[in-house]
């Protein structure tokens, strides 16, 4: 009985890992849109959790680049690993921008596990696209999950260290730009749920992310000019 109780106790502390199958509907929706009009290859794929999915102004915010939004709300890094074959590889991007990790920590994962999942993501992308660069947007500090901030900081710190050591990896520090003078999240950059960003928050991200996207995409600029 004591052994059974111990096993049950251990199971209760196991983090809730991602279940890629539950995102299949969203993935097939993206694929259906591609079947009607596929994005040009060689652009920039933004992938990750809800902060990517809810970035409705992505194309307007980066008009000089061919950006492709493939976020899945609620997803973890390992979901992006699992669906890379369908949400990254078909576009043969020159750059992949990943934002994920917050849901992982909220589900109980440690900084060690988040870092390991990031490394798995890099390995997966490199397995098919060895020359594609990868940029990681730091996990955000938000009011709703502020109790997790130390784990968030640790995961960010260690992932940044990895990006400094390996060619083709970039770390985009949005965390510090989202903090106020007192070191806590700026109160006016979030929607009512205190988790997701409003346009002011995305304006910060746009300013910080832009320098990491590289040279303008001539086709994207031509398309923008032609639409005016």
Foldseek 3Di string as FASTA:
>chain_A
DVVVVVVVVVVVQDFDADDLVVCVVLLVVVVVVCVVPNFAAAFEEEEEADLLVPPPCVCVLQLLTRYDGRYYHLDALVSCLVCCVRRPVVRNYLEYEYEHDPSRVVRPDALVVNLVSVVSSVVSCCVRNVNRAYEYEQHAQWPVVVVCVVRSVSSLVVNCVVQVVDPRYHYQYLHVVQADPVRHGDPQQPPPVRRHGDVVSVVSVSVRCVVVRDDGDVVSNVVVVVVD
